[in-house]
Amino acid sequence: MSHPLERIALISDVHGNLTALEAVLADIDARGITRILNLGDYVGKGPRGREVIDLCRERCEVNLLGNWDDFLPDPDRTWGGEALAWWLAQLSEGQGEWLRSLPFSHDFTMSGRRIRLFHASAGTVHRRVRFDHDEEEFLGMFANTPATGDGPEPTVVGYGDTHDPYYEVDRQRRTLFNTGSVGNCMDDPTPVYVILEGVPDSEVEAPFSIQFVRVPYDVEAELAVAGEMGMPELAAYTSELRDGIYRGEMNDPAGPGYHRRPRP
């Protein structure tokens, strides 16, 4: 007996870009998808972190912790500058605490596959795994850690963080994919999200798919809002949103190669 397939939308790395988030949510709604899971990084880089948090709390059934969500509102953070102070000041009362309290990962089953979602890596939101990782890094994404907890190891892992969507599978059928970014995608700056389709909560193998969706939006309207609000680093934000060219090591806290290793 066949079971009905269900679609789940995965979004990540909105980074205060409310215009892009609204366009992506409209596309999700137009497809009749009602379940949305968010892999983190609601704030920073873009101007409207407060509004993004409010909308994601309303629309997403799962919200996970990102690296920006952890360090930006950290009361013990001693480093930073004008831009970080500005982004933090945009948050409303209690939002910083909400961000830092978000769960690290989320596990579920679909079409006989054990799926795990987290923001950046299996051990911490502050360790970056790029598309050009080695085998050790690949295998490490499927491991249980103190952050993920115990239980059956996943056969499918989805994450965000690098703003660089891709899909990969090995001979043991382990599947690793990156959702890309809704609000700050690299190279092609068009917002991207993922749709998972399969039989929900089923241990029985069944059809399963991972679809990447690009959603155009009004980039200039988003940049106009950032300018009107007086957001710092507007030139860098403009370069990222219009051309997918990143500010790189200039301002990002992880230093050189924040999103990827340079091409030769």
Protein backbone atom coordinates (compact mmCIF):
# COMPACT_ATOMS: atom_id res chain seq x y z
CA MET A 1 0.00 0.00 0.00
CA SER A 2 1.45 3.33 -1.01
CA HIS A 3 1.53 6.30 1.36
CA PRO A 4 1.08 9.94 0.39
CA LEU A 5 4.23 11.96 -0.08
CA GLU A 6 4.75 15.14 1.90
CA ARG A 7 6.86 18.19 1.10
CA ILE A 8 8.87 20.09 3.71
CA ALA A 9 10.62 23.41 2.98
CA LEU A 10 14.06 24.11 4.45
CA ILE A 11 15.30 27.69 4.68
CA SER A 12 18.57 29.00 6.10
CA ASP A 13 20.76 32.08 6.48
CA VAL A 14 18.16 34.80 6.03
CA HIS A 15 20.54 37.30 7.70
CA GLY A 16 18.10 40.14 8.19
CA ASN A 17 17.00 40.23 4.53
CA LEU A 18 13.26 40.51 5.05
CA THR A 19 12.53 41.21 1.38
CA ALA A 20 14.11 37.90 0.32
CA LEU A 21 12.42 35.98 3.13
CA GLU A 22 8.99 37.29 2.17
CA ALA A 23 9.57 36.28 -1.48
CA VAL A 24 10.64 32.77 -0.48
CA LEU A 25 7.71 32.32 1.89
CA ALA A 26 5.34 33.45 -0.87
CA ASP A 27 6.79 30.78 -3.18
CA ILE A 28 6.47 28.13 -0.47
CA ASP A 29 2.86 29.14 0.09
CA ALA A 30 2.11 29.08 -3.64
CA ARG A 31 3.27 25.45 -3.73
CA GLY A 32 0.90 24.52 -0.91
CA ILE A 33 3.74 23.61 1.47
CA THR A 34 2.82 24.18 5.11
CA ARG A 35 5.85 22.78 6.97
CA ILE A 36 8.94 25.01 7.12
CA LEU A 37 12.14 24.23 9.01
CA ASN A 38 14.77 26.95 9.53
CA LEU A 39 18.48 26.08 9.85
CA GLY A 40 19.56 29.33 11.48
CA ASP A 41 21.36 32.67 11.04
CA TYR A 42 18.40 35.02 11.25
CA VAL A 43 20.46 38.14 11.99
CA GLY A 44 23.51 40.12 10.89
CA LYS A 45 24.68 41.26 7.44
CA GLY A 46 21.20 42.63 6.60
CA PRO A 47 19.16 45.33 8.33
CA ARG A 48 15.96 43.73 9.63
CA GLY A 49 16.90 40.94 12.02
CA ARG A 50 14.05 41.80 14.37
CA GLU A 51 11.41 41.43 11.69
CA VAL A 52 13.00 38.25 10.32
CA ILE A 53 12.94 36.66 13.80
CA ASP A 54 9.29 37.59 14.29
CA LEU A 55 8.28 36.13 10.92
CA CYS A 56 10.28 32.94 11.38
CA ARG A 57 8.83 32.38 14.84
CA GLU A 58 5.38 32.70 13.28
CA ARG A 59 5.95 30.56 10.18
CA CYS A 60 8.58 27.91 10.98
CA GLU A 61 7.73 24.80 12.99
CA VAL A 62 11.43 24.29 13.78
CA ASN A 63 14.02 27.03 14.27
CA LEU A 64 17.66 26.00 14.78
CA LEU A 65 20.70 27.84 16.14
CA GLY A 66 23.14 29.53 13.77
CA ASN A 67 26.59 30.94 14.45
CA TRP A 68 25.43 34.57 14.20
CA ASP A 69 22.50 33.76 16.48
CA ASP A 70 24.98 32.47 19.06
CA PHE A 71 27.69 35.13 19.01
CA LEU A 72 25.85 38.37 18.17
CA PRO A 73 23.71 38.46 21.36
CA ASP A 74 26.35 36.77 23.54
CA PRO A 75 26.56 38.90 26.71
CA ASP A 76 30.16 37.76 27.22
CA ARG A 77 31.35 38.73 23.71
CA THR A 78 34.24 41.18 24.04
CA TRP A 79 35.08 41.70 20.35
CA GLY A 80 33.23 43.51 17.60
CA GLY A 81 32.74 46.98 16.20
CA GLU A 82 30.19 49.46 14.97
CA ALA A 83 28.42 47.00 12.65
CA LEU A 84 27.91 44.27 15.26
CA ALA A 85 26.67 46.84 17.77
CA TRP A 86 24.19 48.18 15.17
CA TRP A 87 22.82 44.73 14.27
CA LEU A 88 22.46 43.84 17.95
CA ALA A 89 20.62 47.09 18.62
CA GLN A 90 17.99 46.17 16.01
CA LEU A 91 16.78 43.24 18.11
CA SER A 92 13.79 43.71 20.37
CA GLU A 93 13.77 42.75 24.04
CA GLY A 94 14.11 39.01 24.55
CA GLN A 95 15.06 38.17 20.97
CA GLY A 96 18.74 37.70 21.80
CA GLU A 97 17.88 35.23 24.53
CA TRP A 98 15.48 33.43 22.19
CA LEU A 99 18.20 33.08 19.55
CA ARG A 100 20.77 31.67 21.94
CA SER A 101 18.25 29.16 23.36
CA LEU A 102 17.45 27.57 19.98
CA PRO A 103 18.09 23.83 19.54
CA PHE A 104 21.29 22.75 17.85
CA SER A 105 19.87 20.07 15.54
CA HIS A 106 16.66 18.38 14.46
CA ASP A 107 16.23 14.69 13.54
CA PHE A 108 13.32 13.03 11.74
CA THR A 109 12.56 10.16 9.36
CA MET A 110 11.28 10.35 5.80
CA SER A 111 10.95 7.52 3.25
CA GLY A 112 13.16 5.25 5.36
CA ARG A 113 15.96 7.80 5.61
CA ARG A 114 17.18 9.21 8.91
CA ILE A 115 17.51 12.94 8.35
CA ARG A 116 19.45 15.35 10.53
CA LEU A 117 19.50 19.12 10.13
CA PHE A 118 21.88 21.59 11.76
CA HIS A 119 23.48 24.90 10.86
CA ALA A 120 27.17 24.32 10.17
CA SER A 121 28.74 21.09 11.46
CA ALA A 122 27.91 18.19 13.75
CA GLY A 123 29.96 19.55 16.64
CA THR A 124 29.48 23.32 16.69
CA VAL A 125 27.82 26.17 14.81
CA HIS A 126 31.24 27.82 14.62
CA ARG A 127 33.01 25.20 12.47
CA ARG A 128 32.59 25.64 8.73
CA VAL A 129 32.42 22.70 6.29
CA ARG A 130 32.73 23.92 2.70
CA PHE A 131 31.70 22.25 -0.54
CA ASP A 132 35.36 21.28 -1.18
CA HIS A 133 35.75 19.34 2.09
CA ASP A 134 37.78 16.14 2.45
CA GLU A 135 36.42 12.68 3.29
CA GLU A 136 37.08 13.06 7.00
CA GLU A 137 34.98 16.20 7.10
CA PHE A 138 32.25 14.48 5.07
CA LEU A 139 32.05 11.51 7.46
CA GLY A 140 32.16 13.81 10.46
CA MET A 141 28.91 15.42 9.39
CA PHE A 142 27.09 12.11 10.07
CA ALA A 143 28.62 11.46 13.50
CA ASN A 144 26.86 11.82 16.83
CA THR A 145 28.46 14.50 19.03
CA PRO A 146 27.66 16.05 22.41
CA ALA A 147 25.87 18.78 20.43
CA THR A 148 23.64 16.43 18.41
CA GLY A 149 23.11 13.86 21.16
CA ASP A 150 22.93 10.09 20.87
CA GLY A 151 20.59 7.98 18.79
CA PRO A 152 20.70 6.45 15.33
CA GLU A 153 23.23 8.22 13.13
CA PRO A 154 21.66 10.00 10.17
CA THR A 155 21.83 8.81 6.58
CA VAL A 156 20.91 12.26 5.23
CA VAL A 157 22.36 15.52 6.59
CA GLY A 158 21.29 19.00 5.56
CA TYR A 159 23.01 22.19 6.68
CA GLY A 160 23.50 25.87 5.76
CA ASP A 161 26.18 28.32 6.95
CA THR A 162 28.39 28.50 3.83
CA HIS A 163 25.70 30.18 1.65
CA ASP A 164 26.78 27.75 -1.08
CA PRO A 165 24.20 25.08 -2.08
CA TYR A 166 25.31 21.60 -3.18
CA TYR A 167 24.34 17.90 -3.06
CA GLU A 168 26.67 14.92 -2.50
CA VAL A 169 26.27 11.16 -1.95
CA ASP A 170 28.75 8.34 -1.25
CA ARG A 171 28.68 4.59 -1.94
CA GLN A 172 27.08 3.89 1.43
CA ARG A 173 24.19 6.12 0.29
CA ARG A 174 25.00 8.77 2.85
CA THR A 175 23.64 12.02 1.48
CA LEU A 176 24.97 15.47 2.38
CA PHE A 177 23.44 18.68 1.10
CA ASN A 178 23.70 22.39 1.75
CA THR A 179 20.56 24.51 1.52
CA GLY A 180 22.34 27.66 0.41
CA SER A 181 21.08 31.00 1.72
CA VAL A 182 17.77 32.82 1.49
CA GLY A 183 19.11 36.27 2.29
CA ASN A 184 22.78 36.27 1.33
CA CYS A 185 23.56 33.58 -1.23
CA MET A 186 27.00 33.49 -2.85
CA ASP A 187 28.01 33.53 -6.53
CA ASP A 188 24.40 33.45 -7.77
CA PRO A 189 22.83 35.82 -5.22
CA THR A 190 19.26 34.70 -6.03
CA PRO A 191 17.69 33.37 -2.82
CA VAL A 192 17.61 29.58 -2.65
CA TYR A 193 15.81 27.09 -0.43
CA VAL A 194 15.28 23.30 -0.41
CA ILE A 195 12.19 21.13 -0.64
CA LEU A 196 12.35 17.60 0.79
CA GLU A 197 9.68 15.21 -0.48
CA GLY A 198 8.95 11.75 0.85
CA VAL A 199 6.76 9.68 3.14
CA PRO A 200 6.86 11.37 6.56
CA ASP A 201 7.77 9.47 9.72
CA SER A 202 8.24 6.24 7.76
CA GLU A 203 10.99 3.65 8.30
CA VAL A 204 10.11 2.00 4.97
CA GLU A 205 12.09 2.94 1.88
CA ALA A 206 10.02 5.00 -0.54
CA PRO A 207 10.58 7.73 -3.14
CA PHE A 208 12.59 10.61 -1.74
CA SER A 209 13.74 13.83 -3.35
CA ILE A 210 15.76 16.95 -2.61
CA GLN A 211 14.88 19.97 -4.75
CA PHE A 212 16.65 23.34 -4.86
CA VAL A 213 14.45 26.35 -5.62
CA ARG A 214 15.69 29.81 -6.67
CA VAL A 215 13.32 32.72 -6.01
CA PRO A 216 13.97 36.16 -7.56
CA TYR A 217 13.08 39.19 -5.46
CA ASP A 218 13.41 42.99 -5.41
CA VAL A 219 17.07 43.43 -4.50
CA GLU A 220 16.98 47.21 -4.89
CA ALA A 221 14.04 47.52 -2.49
CA GLU A 222 16.04 45.61 0.17
CA LEU A 223 19.10 47.81 -0.37
CA ALA A 224 16.96 50.95 -0.20
CA VAL A 225 15.66 49.91 3.23
CA ALA A 226 19.20 49.23 4.45
CA GLY A 227 20.28 52.67 3.25
CA GLU A 228 17.31 54.43 4.85
CA MET A 229 18.03 52.69 8.15
CA GLY A 230 21.67 53.78 8.06
CA MET A 231 23.02 50.24 8.24
CA PRO A 232 26.82 50.01 8.46
CA GLU A 233 28.78 48.18 5.73
CA LEU A 234 26.17 49.03 3.12
CA ALA A 235 28.70 48.88 0.26
CA ALA A 236 29.64 45.31 1.21
CA TYR A 237 25.98 44.33 1.54
CA THR A 238 25.27 45.84 -1.88
CA SER A 239 28.09 43.82 -3.46
CA GLU A 240 26.80 40.63 -1.89
CA LEU A 241 23.15 41.09 -2.85
CA ARG A 242 23.68 42.39 -6.38
CA ASP A 243 26.64 40.30 -7.49
CA GLY A 244 27.23 37.51 -4.96
CA ILE A 245 30.71 38.91 -4.24
CA TYR A 246 31.48 38.57 -0.56
CA ARG A 247 33.15 40.93 1.86
CA GLY A 248 35.40 37.99 2.75
CA GLU A 249 37.98 38.59 5.40
CA MET A 250 37.37 42.33 5.68
CA ASN A 251 34.75 42.13 8.40
CA ASP A 252 33.58 38.56 8.92
CA PRO A 253 34.52 37.16 12.34
CA ALA A 254 35.98 33.88 11.08
CA GLY A 255 38.71 35.66 9.14
CA PRO A 256 39.94 34.83 5.63
CA GLY A 257 37.90 32.43 3.58
CA TYR A 258 34.77 32.87 5.67
CA HIS A 259 32.57 31.26 3.07
CA ARG A 260 34.91 29.34 0.80
CA ARG A 261 38.47 28.83 -0.30
CA PRO A 262 39.38 31.05 -3.24
CA ARG A 263 39.36 29.49 -6.65
CA PRO A 264 42.77 29.14 -8.33
